[in-house]
Amino acid sequence: MRLALKISREIFDSKFIVDLDAMLSLYHEFFDYMDTGIRPRWDVYLQMQDLDMLRCFTARDEGHLVGYALFIL
């Protein structure tokens, strides 16, 4: 099986949050971030995006999110 990864910069928005939650749920058996007490403040990330303080880079395979990196400026 060959991955056809597409790396791109995306806007951090509500659609990305849905994709991110879906990706993280796939890794639930390996690492359950919800059990660690981590509760991402998506509203803060959305504010940083609106203020042009956030960069979001993604890796997608056939449209499915498989990796990401967020940078706060």
N, C-alpha and C. Protein backbone atom coordinates (compact mmCIF):
# COMPACT_ATOMS: atom_id res chain seq x y z
N MET A 1 0.84 -1.18 0.00
CA MET A 1 0.00 0.00 0.00
C MET A 1 0.88 1.24 0.00
N ARG A 2 0.62 2.13 -0.89
CA ARG A 2 1.42 3.34 -1.02
C ARG A 2 0.59 4.56 -0.61
N LEU A 3 1.16 5.37 0.26
CA LEU A 3 0.49 6.60 0.66
C LEU A 3 0.71 7.68 -0.38
N ALA A 4 -0.31 8.43 -0.65
CA ALA A 4 -0.21 9.58 -1.54
C ALA A 4 -0.40 10.83 -0.69
N LEU A 5 0.63 11.14 0.11
CA LEU A 5 0.50 12.26 1.03
C LEU A 5 0.52 13.60 0.32
N LYS A 6 -0.35 14.45 0.77
CA LYS A 6 -0.35 15.84 0.31
C LYS A 6 -0.09 16.70 1.53
N ILE A 7 1.00 17.43 1.49
CA ILE A 7 1.37 18.35 2.58
C ILE A 7 0.95 19.75 2.16
N SER A 8 0.22 20.42 3.04
CA SER A 8 -0.22 21.78 2.68
C SER A 8 -0.48 22.60 3.93
N ARG A 9 -0.54 23.91 3.72
CA ARG A 9 -0.93 24.82 4.79
C ARG A 9 -2.43 24.98 4.70
N GLU A 10 -3.09 24.88 5.84
CA GLU A 10 -4.54 25.02 5.88
C GLU A 10 -4.93 26.05 6.92
N ILE A 11 -6.16 26.45 6.85
CA ILE A 11 -6.74 27.35 7.85
C ILE A 11 -7.24 26.51 9.01
N PHE A 12 -6.92 26.92 10.22
CA PHE A 12 -7.44 26.27 11.41
C PHE A 12 -8.86 26.77 11.62
N ASP A 13 -9.83 25.93 11.32
CA ASP A 13 -11.24 26.32 11.45
C ASP A 13 -12.04 25.15 12.00
N SER A 14 -13.35 25.31 12.08
CA SER A 14 -14.18 24.26 12.67
C SER A 14 -14.12 22.96 11.87
N LYS A 15 -13.96 23.04 10.55
CA LYS A 15 -13.83 21.83 9.74
C LYS A 15 -12.54 21.08 10.10
N PHE A 16 -11.45 21.83 10.29
CA PHE A 16 -10.19 21.19 10.68
C PHE A 16 -10.33 20.52 12.04
N ILE A 17 -11.02 21.16 12.98
CA ILE A 17 -11.21 20.58 14.30
C ILE A 17 -11.96 19.24 14.20
N VAL A 18 -12.96 19.17 13.34
CA VAL A 18 -13.69 17.91 13.13
C VAL A 18 -12.75 16.84 12.59
N ASP A 19 -11.94 17.21 11.58
CA ASP A 19 -10.97 16.26 11.02
C ASP A 19 -9.95 15.82 12.07
N LEU A 20 -9.49 16.76 12.88
CA LEU A 20 -8.50 16.46 13.91
C LEU A 20 -9.08 15.51 14.96
N ASP A 21 -10.29 15.78 15.41
CA ASP A 21 -10.93 14.89 16.38
C ASP A 21 -11.10 13.48 15.80
N ALA A 22 -11.45 13.40 14.52
CA ALA A 22 -11.60 12.09 13.87
C ALA A 22 -10.26 11.36 13.82
N MET A 23 -9.19 12.08 13.48
CA MET A 23 -7.87 11.45 13.42
C MET A 23 -7.43 10.98 14.81
N LEU A 24 -7.61 11.83 15.81
CA LEU A 24 -7.19 11.47 17.16
C LEU A 24 -7.98 10.29 17.71
N SER A 25 -9.24 10.17 17.33
CA SER A 25 -10.04 9.05 17.82
C SER A 25 -9.52 7.72 17.28
N LEU A 26 -8.87 7.74 16.10
CA LEU A 26 -8.29 6.52 15.55
C LEU A 26 -7.14 6.00 16.40
N TYR A 27 -6.46 6.91 17.11
CA TYR A 27 -5.32 6.54 17.93
C TYR A 27 -5.70 6.34 19.40
N HIS A 28 -6.98 6.28 19.66
CA HIS A 28 -7.48 6.16 21.03
C HIS A 28 -6.86 4.99 21.77
N GLU A 29 -6.70 3.85 21.09
CA GLU A 29 -6.16 2.67 21.78
C GLU A 29 -4.69 2.83 22.13
N PHE A 30 -3.97 3.72 21.44
CA PHE A 30 -2.55 3.93 21.72
C PHE A 30 -2.32 5.07 22.70
N PHE A 31 -3.13 6.12 22.57
CA PHE A 31 -2.95 7.29 23.43
C PHE A 31 -4.27 8.03 23.55
N ASP A 32 -4.84 7.97 24.73
CA ASP A 32 -6.13 8.62 24.94
C ASP A 32 -5.91 9.97 25.60
N TYR A 33 -5.81 11.03 24.77
CA TYR A 33 -5.53 12.35 25.33
C TYR A 33 -6.65 12.85 26.21
N MET A 34 -7.85 12.31 26.03
CA MET A 34 -8.95 12.76 26.88
C MET A 34 -8.76 12.26 28.32
N ASP A 35 -8.08 11.13 28.50
CA ASP A 35 -7.85 10.60 29.84
C ASP A 35 -6.67 11.28 30.54
N THR A 36 -5.91 12.10 29.82
CA THR A 36 -4.75 12.75 30.42
C THR A 36 -5.11 14.07 31.08
N GLY A 37 -6.33 14.50 30.90
CA GLY A 37 -6.74 15.79 31.44
C GLY A 37 -6.52 16.93 30.46
N ILE A 38 -5.95 16.62 29.30
CA ILE A 38 -5.75 17.66 28.28
C ILE A 38 -7.09 17.98 27.65
N ARG A 39 -7.44 19.23 27.68
CA ARG A 39 -8.68 19.70 27.06
C ARG A 39 -8.34 20.89 26.16
N PRO A 40 -8.10 20.63 24.88
CA PRO A 40 -7.72 21.73 23.98
C PRO A 40 -8.77 22.85 23.99
N ARG A 41 -8.30 24.06 24.06
CA ARG A 41 -9.17 25.24 24.00
C ARG A 41 -9.28 25.67 22.54
N TRP A 42 -10.15 24.97 21.80
CA TRP A 42 -10.27 25.25 20.37
C TRP A 42 -10.62 26.71 20.12
N ASP A 43 -11.38 27.33 21.02
CA ASP A 43 -11.74 28.74 20.83
C ASP A 43 -10.51 29.64 20.81
N VAL A 44 -9.50 29.31 21.61
CA VAL A 44 -8.27 30.10 21.64
C VAL A 44 -7.50 29.93 20.33
N TYR A 45 -7.43 28.68 19.84
CA TYR A 45 -6.77 28.44 18.56
C TYR A 45 -7.48 29.18 17.43
N LEU A 46 -8.81 29.18 17.47
CA LEU A 46 -9.57 29.90 16.43
C LEU A 46 -9.30 31.41 16.51
N GLN A 47 -9.18 31.94 17.73
CA GLN A 47 -8.84 33.36 17.89
C GLN A 47 -7.45 33.65 17.34
N MET A 48 -6.49 32.77 17.63
CA MET A 48 -5.14 32.98 17.11
C MET A 48 -5.14 32.94 15.58
N GLN A 49 -5.94 32.05 15.00
CA GLN A 49 -6.05 32.00 13.54
C GLN A 49 -6.60 33.32 13.02
N ASP A 50 -7.65 33.84 13.66
CA ASP A 50 -8.24 35.12 13.24
C ASP A 50 -7.26 36.27 13.35
N LEU A 51 -6.34 36.19 14.33
CA LEU A 51 -5.35 37.25 14.53
C LEU A 51 -4.07 37.01 13.73
N ASP A 52 -4.08 36.00 12.86
CA ASP A 52 -2.94 35.63 12.01
C ASP A 52 -1.72 35.25 12.85
N MET A 53 -1.97 34.59 13.98
CA MET A 53 -0.90 34.17 14.89
C MET A 53 -0.67 32.67 14.85
N LEU A 54 -1.38 31.96 13.98
CA LEU A 54 -1.31 30.51 13.96
C LEU A 54 -1.07 30.02 12.54
N ARG A 55 -0.18 29.05 12.41
CA ARG A 55 0.04 28.39 11.13
C ARG A 55 -0.27 26.91 11.31
N CYS A 56 -1.02 26.38 10.39
CA CYS A 56 -1.46 25.00 10.45
C CYS A 56 -1.01 24.29 9.17
N PHE A 57 -0.18 23.27 9.34
CA PHE A 57 0.27 22.46 8.21
C PHE A 57 -0.26 21.05 8.40
N THR A 58 -0.72 20.46 7.31
CA THR A 58 -1.34 19.14 7.40
C THR A 58 -0.71 18.16 6.42
N ALA A 59 -0.88 16.89 6.76
CA ALA A 59 -0.55 15.79 5.86
C ALA A 59 -1.85 15.02 5.67
N ARG A 60 -2.25 14.87 4.42
CA ARG A 60 -3.50 14.15 4.12
C ARG A 60 -3.21 13.04 3.12
N ASP A 61 -3.90 11.94 3.32
CA ASP A 61 -3.84 10.81 2.40
C ASP A 61 -5.24 10.63 1.83
N GLU A 62 -5.38 10.88 0.55
CA GLU A 62 -6.67 10.81 -0.12
C GLU A 62 -7.72 11.63 0.62
N GLY A 63 -7.32 12.80 1.10
CA GLY A 63 -8.23 13.72 1.78
C GLY A 63 -8.37 13.50 3.27
N HIS A 64 -7.87 12.37 3.78
CA HIS A 64 -7.99 12.07 5.20
C HIS A 64 -6.78 12.61 5.94
N LEU A 65 -7.04 13.32 7.03
CA LEU A 65 -5.98 13.88 7.85
C LEU A 65 -5.20 12.75 8.52
N VAL A 66 -3.88 12.73 8.29
CA VAL A 66 -3.03 11.71 8.90
C VAL A 66 -1.91 12.33 9.74
N GLY A 67 -1.75 13.63 9.68
CA GLY A 67 -0.74 14.32 10.48
C GLY A 67 -0.93 15.83 10.38
N TYR A 68 -0.38 16.53 11.35
CA TYR A 68 -0.49 17.99 11.36
C TYR A 68 0.61 18.59 12.23
N ALA A 69 0.84 19.87 12.02
CA ALA A 69 1.75 20.64 12.86
C ALA A 69 1.17 22.03 13.01
N LEU A 70 1.13 22.51 14.23
CA LEU A 70 0.65 23.86 14.52
C LEU A 70 1.80 24.69 15.06
N PHE A 71 1.88 25.91 14.56
CA PHE A 71 2.93 26.84 15.00
C PHE A 71 2.26 28.13 15.46
N ILE A 72 2.60 28.55 16.66
CA ILE A 72 2.09 29.81 17.20
C ILE A 72 3.17 30.85 16.96
N LEU A 73 2.78 31.94 16.32
CA LEU A 73 3.73 33.01 16.01
C LEU A 73 3.71 34.08 17.08
